[in-house]
Amino acid sequence: MAGTGNSTYEGFTAEERAAMKEHAQETKKAARRGSRAEKAAEAERDVLAKIAEMPDADRVMAERVHAVVTAAAPALAPRLWYGMPAYASDGKVVCFFQSAAKFKARYATLGFNDPARLDDGPMWATAFALTEVTPQVEERIADLVKRAVG
C-alpha cells in the first residue's frame, strides 16, 4: 500500500527487467530495418532464434504454437515482444507465447492482447496455460487464433 509504510514492493524482478530490456532492443532493431519484406523476414528469423534458445519442453511447445498460428492466421506477422514470440496485425500484438522459463512459471502461456477479438459477453479468457501441445490443443489454438483475427 503506497504511503502506509507497510509496502513490500521491491521493484521489478530480474526477469521483468530483462523483458523490458529485450523490448527496448526489439524496438530499436525494428526502427533500423530496411524494407517491409526485409523487416518481416528478419522478424521471423528473430522469433525462430528465440524459440531455438528455449529449454526443450518450452521449445517443443513454442515450435508447435508457431506452426499452428502461422498456418491458422497467415496475415499475422511473427515478431518478438518483450523477448517472447508474438504475432501481430498492423503492428499490434494479437497473441504471444510465453515460455514457462521466462518468469519461472510452472506452465507456458498462450496469451491474447486487446486486438484479439475473443470477446464473449462481459468476461472472457485472454491467456491459456500450456503444459503440452497435443493435436486437440493445436485445434483449440487454431480456433482461438482464427477468432482473434476475426
N, C-alpha and C. Protein backbone atom coordinates (compact mmCIF):
# COMPACT_ATOMS: atom_id res chain seq x y z
N MET A 1 0.84 -1.18 0.00
CA MET A 1 0.00 0.00 0.00
C MET A 1 0.89 1.24 0.00
N ALA A 2 0.70 2.07 -0.94
CA ALA A 2 1.51 3.27 -1.06
C ALA A 2 1.22 4.22 0.10
N GLY A 3 2.28 4.75 0.68
CA GLY A 3 2.13 5.77 1.71
C GLY A 3 1.86 5.24 3.11
N THR A 4 1.69 3.94 3.29
CA THR A 4 1.39 3.41 4.62
C THR A 4 2.64 2.91 5.34
N GLY A 5 3.73 2.77 4.64
CA GLY A 5 4.94 2.26 5.25
C GLY A 5 4.94 0.74 5.36
N ASN A 6 3.84 0.09 4.96
CA ASN A 6 3.73 -1.36 5.04
C ASN A 6 4.00 -2.03 3.70
N SER A 7 4.41 -1.29 2.71
CA SER A 7 4.60 -1.83 1.37
C SER A 7 5.77 -2.80 1.32
N THR A 8 5.59 -3.90 0.62
CA THR A 8 6.66 -4.86 0.42
C THR A 8 7.19 -4.79 -1.01
N TYR A 9 6.78 -3.78 -1.76
CA TYR A 9 7.20 -3.63 -3.15
C TYR A 9 8.70 -3.39 -3.20
N GLU A 10 9.40 -4.22 -3.93
CA GLU A 10 10.84 -4.09 -4.04
C GLU A 10 11.28 -3.80 -5.47
N GLY A 11 10.37 -3.40 -6.31
CA GLY A 11 10.71 -3.12 -7.70
C GLY A 11 10.47 -4.31 -8.60
N PHE A 12 10.95 -4.19 -9.82
CA PHE A 12 10.77 -5.25 -10.80
C PHE A 12 11.71 -6.42 -10.51
N THR A 13 11.26 -7.62 -10.86
CA THR A 13 12.14 -8.78 -10.72
C THR A 13 13.20 -8.74 -11.80
N ALA A 14 14.22 -9.53 -11.64
CA ALA A 14 15.28 -9.61 -12.65
C ALA A 14 14.70 -10.03 -13.99
N GLU A 15 13.72 -10.96 -13.97
CA GLU A 15 13.10 -11.43 -15.21
C GLU A 15 12.30 -10.30 -15.88
N GLU A 16 11.59 -9.51 -15.07
CA GLU A 16 10.82 -8.39 -15.63
C GLU A 16 11.75 -7.33 -16.21
N ARG A 17 12.84 -7.02 -15.52
CA ARG A 17 13.80 -6.04 -16.05
C ARG A 17 14.41 -6.55 -17.36
N ALA A 18 14.72 -7.85 -17.41
CA ALA A 18 15.29 -8.43 -18.64
C ALA A 18 14.29 -8.33 -19.79
N ALA A 19 13.01 -8.59 -19.52
CA ALA A 19 11.98 -8.49 -20.56
C ALA A 19 11.87 -7.06 -21.07
N MET A 20 11.93 -6.09 -20.17
CA MET A 20 11.86 -4.69 -20.60
C MET A 20 13.06 -4.30 -21.45
N LYS A 21 14.25 -4.79 -21.08
CA LYS A 21 15.46 -4.52 -21.88
C LYS A 21 15.33 -5.15 -23.26
N GLU A 22 14.80 -6.39 -23.30
CA GLU A 22 14.60 -7.05 -24.60
C GLU A 22 13.65 -6.24 -25.46
N HIS A 23 12.58 -5.73 -24.86
CA HIS A 23 11.60 -4.94 -25.62
C HIS A 23 12.26 -3.68 -26.18
N ALA A 24 13.08 -3.02 -25.39
CA ALA A 24 13.78 -1.82 -25.88
C ALA A 24 14.69 -2.16 -27.05
N GLN A 25 15.41 -3.29 -26.95
CA GLN A 25 16.28 -3.71 -28.05
C GLN A 25 15.47 -4.06 -29.30
N GLU A 26 14.32 -4.73 -29.11
CA GLU A 26 13.46 -5.08 -30.24
C GLU A 26 12.96 -3.83 -30.96
N THR A 27 12.58 -2.83 -30.18
CA THR A 27 12.07 -1.59 -30.75
C THR A 27 13.16 -0.88 -31.55
N LYS A 28 14.37 -0.81 -31.00
CA LYS A 28 15.49 -0.18 -31.71
C LYS A 28 15.81 -0.92 -33.00
N LYS A 29 15.83 -2.25 -32.91
CA LYS A 29 16.15 -3.08 -34.08
C LYS A 29 15.11 -2.89 -35.16
N ALA A 30 13.84 -2.86 -34.79
CA ALA A 30 12.76 -2.69 -35.77
C ALA A 30 12.86 -1.33 -36.47
N ALA A 31 13.29 -0.33 -35.76
CA ALA A 31 13.42 1.00 -36.34
C ALA A 31 14.56 1.07 -37.35
N ARG A 32 15.57 0.21 -37.20
CA ARG A 32 16.75 0.23 -38.08
C ARG A 32 16.55 -0.53 -39.38
N ARG A 33 15.64 -1.44 -39.42
CA ARG A 33 15.50 -2.32 -40.59
C ARG A 33 15.12 -1.55 -41.85
N GLY A 34 15.29 -2.22 -42.99
CA GLY A 34 15.01 -1.63 -44.29
C GLY A 34 13.58 -1.79 -44.74
N SER A 35 13.38 -2.46 -45.87
CA SER A 35 12.06 -2.59 -46.47
C SER A 35 11.13 -3.43 -45.61
N ARG A 36 9.85 -3.34 -45.93
CA ARG A 36 8.84 -4.12 -45.19
C ARG A 36 9.13 -5.62 -45.29
N ALA A 37 9.51 -6.09 -46.48
CA ALA A 37 9.81 -7.51 -46.67
C ALA A 37 11.03 -7.92 -45.85
N GLU A 38 12.05 -7.06 -45.83
CA GLU A 38 13.24 -7.35 -45.02
C GLU A 38 12.88 -7.39 -43.54
N LYS A 39 12.05 -6.45 -43.10
CA LYS A 39 11.62 -6.41 -41.70
C LYS A 39 10.88 -7.68 -41.32
N ALA A 40 9.98 -8.12 -42.19
CA ALA A 40 9.18 -9.32 -41.92
C ALA A 40 10.08 -10.56 -41.85
N ALA A 41 11.00 -10.68 -42.79
CA ALA A 41 11.89 -11.84 -42.81
C ALA A 41 12.79 -11.85 -41.59
N GLU A 42 13.33 -10.71 -41.22
CA GLU A 42 14.20 -10.64 -40.06
C GLU A 42 13.42 -10.89 -38.77
N ALA A 43 12.21 -10.38 -38.70
CA ALA A 43 11.38 -10.59 -37.51
C ALA A 43 11.08 -12.08 -37.33
N GLU A 44 10.77 -12.77 -38.42
CA GLU A 44 10.50 -14.20 -38.31
C GLU A 44 11.76 -14.96 -37.90
N ARG A 45 12.91 -14.58 -38.46
CA ARG A 45 14.17 -15.21 -38.05
C ARG A 45 14.43 -14.99 -36.56
N ASP A 46 14.14 -13.79 -36.09
CA ASP A 46 14.32 -13.49 -34.66
C ASP A 46 13.42 -14.37 -33.79
N VAL A 47 12.17 -14.55 -34.22
CA VAL A 47 11.24 -15.40 -33.47
C VAL A 47 11.75 -16.83 -33.43
N LEU A 48 12.16 -17.35 -34.57
CA LEU A 48 12.65 -18.73 -34.63
C LEU A 48 13.93 -18.90 -33.81
N ALA A 49 14.79 -17.90 -33.80
CA ALA A 49 16.01 -17.96 -33.00
C ALA A 49 15.67 -17.96 -31.51
N LYS A 50 14.70 -17.14 -31.11
CA LYS A 50 14.28 -17.08 -29.71
C LYS A 50 13.68 -18.42 -29.28
N ILE A 51 12.88 -19.01 -30.16
CA ILE A 51 12.30 -20.33 -29.86
C ILE A 51 13.40 -21.36 -29.69
N ALA A 52 14.40 -21.32 -30.55
CA ALA A 52 15.50 -22.29 -30.50
C ALA A 52 16.30 -22.18 -29.20
N GLU A 53 16.31 -21.01 -28.57
CA GLU A 53 17.03 -20.80 -27.31
C GLU A 53 16.30 -21.36 -26.10
N MET A 54 15.03 -21.67 -26.24
CA MET A 54 14.22 -22.09 -25.09
C MET A 54 14.62 -23.48 -24.60
N PRO A 55 14.37 -23.74 -23.30
CA PRO A 55 14.56 -25.10 -22.79
C PRO A 55 13.69 -26.07 -23.59
N ASP A 56 14.09 -27.33 -23.66
CA ASP A 56 13.44 -28.31 -24.53
C ASP A 56 11.92 -28.33 -24.46
N ALA A 57 11.34 -28.44 -23.27
CA ALA A 57 9.88 -28.55 -23.16
C ALA A 57 9.19 -27.31 -23.73
N ASP A 58 9.70 -26.13 -23.39
CA ASP A 58 9.12 -24.88 -23.92
C ASP A 58 9.34 -24.77 -25.43
N ARG A 59 10.54 -25.15 -25.87
CA ARG A 59 10.87 -25.05 -27.29
C ARG A 59 9.92 -25.89 -28.14
N VAL A 60 9.67 -27.12 -27.71
CA VAL A 60 8.78 -28.01 -28.46
C VAL A 60 7.38 -27.38 -28.56
N MET A 61 6.88 -26.86 -27.44
CA MET A 61 5.55 -26.23 -27.48
C MET A 61 5.55 -24.98 -28.34
N ALA A 62 6.60 -24.15 -28.20
CA ALA A 62 6.67 -22.91 -28.98
C ALA A 62 6.75 -23.20 -30.48
N GLU A 63 7.48 -24.23 -30.87
CA GLU A 63 7.55 -24.60 -32.28
C GLU A 63 6.17 -24.98 -32.81
N ARG A 64 5.42 -25.75 -32.03
CA ARG A 64 4.07 -26.16 -32.45
C ARG A 64 3.14 -24.96 -32.49
N VAL A 65 3.20 -24.11 -31.47
CA VAL A 65 2.35 -22.91 -31.44
C VAL A 65 2.66 -22.04 -32.65
N HIS A 66 3.94 -21.85 -32.95
CA HIS A 66 4.34 -21.04 -34.11
C HIS A 66 3.76 -21.62 -35.40
N ALA A 67 3.88 -22.92 -35.57
CA ALA A 67 3.36 -23.57 -36.78
C ALA A 67 1.85 -23.42 -36.87
N VAL A 68 1.15 -23.61 -35.76
CA VAL A 68 -0.32 -23.51 -35.77
C VAL A 68 -0.77 -22.07 -36.04
N VAL A 69 -0.17 -21.12 -35.36
CA VAL A 69 -0.58 -19.71 -35.52
C VAL A 69 -0.32 -19.24 -36.95
N THR A 70 0.86 -19.53 -37.48
CA THR A 70 1.17 -19.05 -38.83
C THR A 70 0.31 -19.73 -39.89
N ALA A 71 -0.11 -20.98 -39.64
CA ALA A 71 -1.00 -21.67 -40.59
C ALA A 71 -2.44 -21.18 -40.45
N ALA A 72 -2.90 -20.98 -39.22
CA ALA A 72 -4.30 -20.58 -38.98
C ALA A 72 -4.55 -19.12 -39.33
N ALA A 73 -3.54 -18.28 -39.18
CA ALA A 73 -3.71 -16.85 -39.44
C ALA A 73 -2.48 -16.30 -40.15
N PRO A 74 -2.33 -16.63 -41.44
CA PRO A 74 -1.13 -16.19 -42.17
C PRO A 74 -0.98 -14.67 -42.26
N ALA A 75 -2.05 -13.93 -41.99
CA ALA A 75 -1.97 -12.47 -42.02
C ALA A 75 -1.23 -11.91 -40.80
N LEU A 76 -1.13 -12.71 -39.75
CA LEU A 76 -0.40 -12.25 -38.56
C LEU A 76 1.09 -12.30 -38.82
N ALA A 77 1.79 -11.27 -38.41
CA ALA A 77 3.23 -11.17 -38.63
C ALA A 77 3.98 -11.60 -37.37
N PRO A 78 4.83 -12.63 -37.48
CA PRO A 78 5.64 -13.03 -36.32
C PRO A 78 6.61 -11.90 -35.96
N ARG A 79 6.80 -11.71 -34.66
CA ARG A 79 7.77 -10.73 -34.16
C ARG A 79 8.07 -11.04 -32.71
N LEU A 80 9.11 -10.45 -32.19
CA LEU A 80 9.39 -10.59 -30.77
C LEU A 80 8.69 -9.47 -30.02
N TRP A 81 8.24 -9.79 -28.83
CA TRP A 81 7.56 -8.83 -27.97
C TRP A 81 7.99 -9.12 -26.55
N TYR A 82 8.76 -8.23 -25.96
CA TYR A 82 9.34 -8.45 -24.63
C TYR A 82 10.11 -9.77 -24.58
N GLY A 83 10.77 -10.09 -25.68
CA GLY A 83 11.57 -11.31 -25.74
C GLY A 83 10.77 -12.58 -25.94
N MET A 84 9.49 -12.45 -26.29
CA MET A 84 8.63 -13.63 -26.49
C MET A 84 8.17 -13.67 -27.93
N PRO A 85 7.98 -14.88 -28.48
CA PRO A 85 7.39 -14.98 -29.81
C PRO A 85 5.97 -14.41 -29.77
N ALA A 86 5.68 -13.54 -30.73
CA ALA A 86 4.37 -12.91 -30.77
C ALA A 86 3.93 -12.80 -32.23
N TYR A 87 2.65 -12.49 -32.41
CA TYR A 87 2.06 -12.44 -33.74
C TYR A 87 1.18 -11.21 -33.80
N ALA A 88 1.48 -10.33 -34.76
CA ALA A 88 0.86 -9.01 -34.80
C ALA A 88 0.07 -8.77 -36.07
N SER A 89 -0.88 -7.86 -35.94
CA SER A 89 -1.66 -7.38 -37.07
C SER A 89 -1.55 -5.86 -37.06
N ASP A 90 -1.12 -5.29 -38.17
CA ASP A 90 -0.93 -3.83 -38.26
C ASP A 90 -0.06 -3.30 -37.12
N GLY A 91 0.98 -4.07 -36.77
CA GLY A 91 1.91 -3.64 -35.75
C GLY A 91 1.47 -3.87 -34.31
N LYS A 92 0.25 -4.34 -34.11
CA LYS A 92 -0.27 -4.57 -32.76
C LYS A 92 -0.28 -6.06 -32.46
N VAL A 93 0.30 -6.44 -31.33
CA VAL A 93 0.39 -7.85 -30.96
C VAL A 93 -1.00 -8.39 -30.64
N VAL A 94 -1.38 -9.44 -31.35
CA VAL A 94 -2.66 -10.11 -31.14
C VAL A 94 -2.48 -11.23 -30.12
N CYS A 95 -1.43 -12.05 -30.32
CA CYS A 95 -1.20 -13.16 -29.39
C CYS A 95 0.30 -13.38 -29.23
N PHE A 96 0.66 -14.11 -28.17
CA PHE A 96 2.05 -14.35 -27.87
C PHE A 96 2.21 -15.67 -27.12
N PHE A 97 3.43 -16.20 -27.16
CA PHE A 97 3.77 -17.41 -26.42
C PHE A 97 4.79 -17.02 -25.37
N GLN A 98 4.46 -17.30 -24.11
CA GLN A 98 5.39 -17.03 -23.01
C GLN A 98 5.86 -18.36 -22.46
N SER A 99 7.15 -18.62 -22.57
CA SER A 99 7.68 -19.88 -22.07
C SER A 99 7.59 -19.93 -20.54
N ALA A 100 7.50 -21.12 -20.01
CA ALA A 100 7.46 -21.28 -18.56
C ALA A 100 8.75 -20.73 -17.94
N ALA A 101 9.85 -20.90 -18.63
CA ALA A 101 11.14 -20.46 -18.11
C ALA A 101 11.25 -18.94 -18.04
N LYS A 102 10.49 -18.23 -18.85
CA LYS A 102 10.60 -16.76 -18.93
C LYS A 102 10.47 -16.11 -17.56
N PHE A 103 9.46 -16.49 -16.81
CA PHE A 103 9.24 -15.92 -15.49
C PHE A 103 9.20 -17.00 -14.41
N LYS A 104 9.86 -18.12 -14.70
CA LYS A 104 9.97 -19.24 -13.76
C LYS A 104 8.59 -19.74 -13.31
N ALA A 105 7.70 -19.89 -14.28
CA ALA A 105 6.35 -20.38 -14.00
C ALA A 105 6.31 -21.89 -14.16
N ARG A 106 5.23 -22.50 -13.72
CA ARG A 106 5.12 -23.96 -13.85
C ARG A 106 4.51 -24.37 -15.18
N TYR A 107 4.06 -23.41 -15.99
CA TYR A 107 3.50 -23.71 -17.30
C TYR A 107 3.77 -22.56 -18.26
N ALA A 108 3.77 -22.86 -19.53
CA ALA A 108 3.88 -21.85 -20.57
C ALA A 108 2.50 -21.21 -20.74
N THR A 109 2.46 -20.08 -21.43
CA THR A 109 1.20 -19.36 -21.60
C THR A 109 1.02 -18.95 -23.06
N LEU A 110 -0.18 -19.16 -23.56
CA LEU A 110 -0.59 -18.58 -24.83
C LEU A 110 -1.50 -17.43 -24.44
N GLY A 111 -1.07 -16.21 -24.75
CA GLY A 111 -1.83 -15.04 -24.34
C GLY A 111 -2.35 -14.24 -25.53
N PHE A 112 -3.41 -13.51 -25.28
CA PHE A 112 -4.03 -12.66 -26.30
C PHE A 112 -4.14 -11.24 -25.76
N ASN A 113 -3.87 -10.25 -26.61
CA ASN A 113 -3.96 -8.85 -26.24
C ASN A 113 -5.25 -8.23 -26.76
N ASP A 114 -5.43 -6.94 -26.47
CA ASP A 114 -6.66 -6.23 -26.83
C ASP A 114 -7.12 -6.38 -28.28
N PRO A 115 -6.21 -6.38 -29.27
CA PRO A 115 -6.68 -6.52 -30.65
C PRO A 115 -7.37 -7.86 -30.95
N ALA A 116 -7.15 -8.85 -30.10
CA ALA A 116 -7.78 -10.17 -30.31
C ALA A 116 -9.28 -10.05 -30.09
N ARG A 117 -10.02 -10.57 -31.02
CA ARG A 117 -11.49 -10.47 -30.96
C ARG A 117 -12.07 -11.74 -30.34
N LEU A 118 -11.75 -11.93 -29.08
CA LEU A 118 -12.22 -13.11 -28.36
C LEU A 118 -13.40 -12.78 -27.44
N ASP A 119 -13.90 -11.57 -27.54
CA ASP A 119 -14.98 -11.12 -26.66
C ASP A 119 -16.11 -12.13 -26.61
N ASP A 120 -16.56 -12.42 -25.39
CA ASP A 120 -17.64 -13.37 -25.17
C ASP A 120 -18.45 -12.88 -23.97
N GLY A 121 -19.32 -11.92 -24.21
CA GLY A 121 -20.10 -11.35 -23.12
C GLY A 121 -19.25 -10.40 -22.28
N PRO A 122 -19.58 -10.26 -21.00
CA PRO A 122 -18.86 -9.31 -20.15
C PRO A 122 -17.54 -9.85 -19.61
N MET A 123 -17.19 -11.14 -19.88
CA MET A 123 -15.96 -11.71 -19.35
C MET A 123 -15.48 -12.84 -20.27
N TRP A 124 -14.17 -12.86 -20.56
CA TRP A 124 -13.62 -13.93 -21.40
C TRP A 124 -12.14 -14.12 -21.06
N ALA A 125 -11.64 -15.28 -21.39
CA ALA A 125 -10.23 -15.60 -21.13
C ALA A 125 -9.33 -14.91 -22.15
N THR A 126 -8.17 -14.43 -21.69
CA THR A 126 -7.18 -13.84 -22.59
C THR A 126 -5.83 -14.55 -22.50
N ALA A 127 -5.74 -15.55 -21.63
CA ALA A 127 -4.50 -16.32 -21.51
C ALA A 127 -4.84 -17.77 -21.18
N PHE A 128 -4.02 -18.66 -21.71
CA PHE A 128 -4.25 -20.09 -21.53
C PHE A 128 -2.95 -20.77 -21.12
N ALA A 129 -3.00 -21.56 -20.07
CA ALA A 129 -1.83 -22.32 -19.62
C ALA A 129 -1.59 -23.48 -20.57
N LEU A 130 -0.32 -23.71 -20.88
CA LEU A 130 0.06 -24.83 -21.75
C LEU A 130 1.11 -25.68 -21.04
N THR A 131 0.83 -26.96 -20.93
CA THR A 131 1.83 -27.89 -20.40
C THR A 131 2.26 -28.88 -21.48
N GLU A 132 1.45 -28.96 -22.55
CA GLU A 132 1.74 -29.85 -23.67
C GLU A 132 0.89 -29.38 -24.85
N VAL A 133 1.42 -29.53 -26.05
CA VAL A 133 0.65 -29.18 -27.24
C VAL A 133 0.31 -30.48 -27.98
N THR A 134 -0.88 -30.98 -27.70
CA THR A 134 -1.40 -32.20 -28.32
C THR A 134 -2.17 -31.80 -29.59
N PRO A 135 -2.57 -32.77 -30.41
CA PRO A 135 -3.39 -32.43 -31.57
C PRO A 135 -4.68 -31.68 -31.18
N GLN A 136 -5.29 -32.05 -30.05
CA GLN A 136 -6.50 -31.36 -29.60
C GLN A 136 -6.19 -29.92 -29.20
N VAL A 137 -5.05 -29.71 -28.55
CA VAL A 137 -4.63 -28.37 -28.16
C VAL A 137 -4.34 -27.55 -29.42
N GLU A 138 -3.71 -28.16 -30.41
CA GLU A 138 -3.44 -27.46 -31.67
C GLU A 138 -4.74 -26.98 -32.31
N GLU A 139 -5.76 -27.83 -32.30
CA GLU A 139 -7.06 -27.43 -32.86
C GLU A 139 -7.64 -26.25 -32.10
N ARG A 140 -7.55 -26.29 -30.79
CA ARG A 140 -8.10 -25.20 -29.97
C ARG A 140 -7.33 -23.91 -30.23
N ILE A 141 -6.00 -24.00 -30.32
CA ILE A 141 -5.19 -22.81 -30.61
C ILE A 141 -5.58 -22.23 -31.96
N ALA A 142 -5.71 -23.09 -32.98
CA ALA A 142 -6.11 -22.62 -34.32
C ALA A 142 -7.46 -21.92 -34.27
N ASP A 143 -8.42 -22.50 -33.56
CA ASP A 143 -9.74 -21.88 -33.44
C ASP A 143 -9.65 -20.52 -32.75
N LEU A 144 -8.90 -20.46 -31.66
CA LEU A 144 -8.75 -19.19 -30.93
C LEU A 144 -8.11 -18.12 -31.79
N VAL A 145 -7.05 -18.50 -32.51
CA VAL A 145 -6.33 -17.53 -33.33
C VAL A 145 -7.23 -17.04 -34.48
N LYS A 146 -7.96 -17.95 -35.09
CA LYS A 146 -8.89 -17.55 -36.16
C LYS A 146 -9.94 -16.58 -35.63
N ARG A 147 -10.48 -16.88 -34.44
CA ARG A 147 -11.45 -15.96 -33.82
C ARG A 147 -10.80 -14.62 -33.49
N ALA A 148 -9.57 -14.68 -33.00
CA ALA A 148 -8.86 -13.47 -32.58
C ALA A 148 -8.67 -12.48 -33.72
N VAL A 149 -8.41 -13.00 -34.92
CA VAL A 149 -8.19 -12.11 -36.06
C VAL A 149 -9.48 -11.77 -36.80
N GLY A 150 -10.55 -12.43 -36.40
CA GLY A 150 -11.85 -12.12 -37.00
C GLY A 150 -12.04 -12.82 -38.27
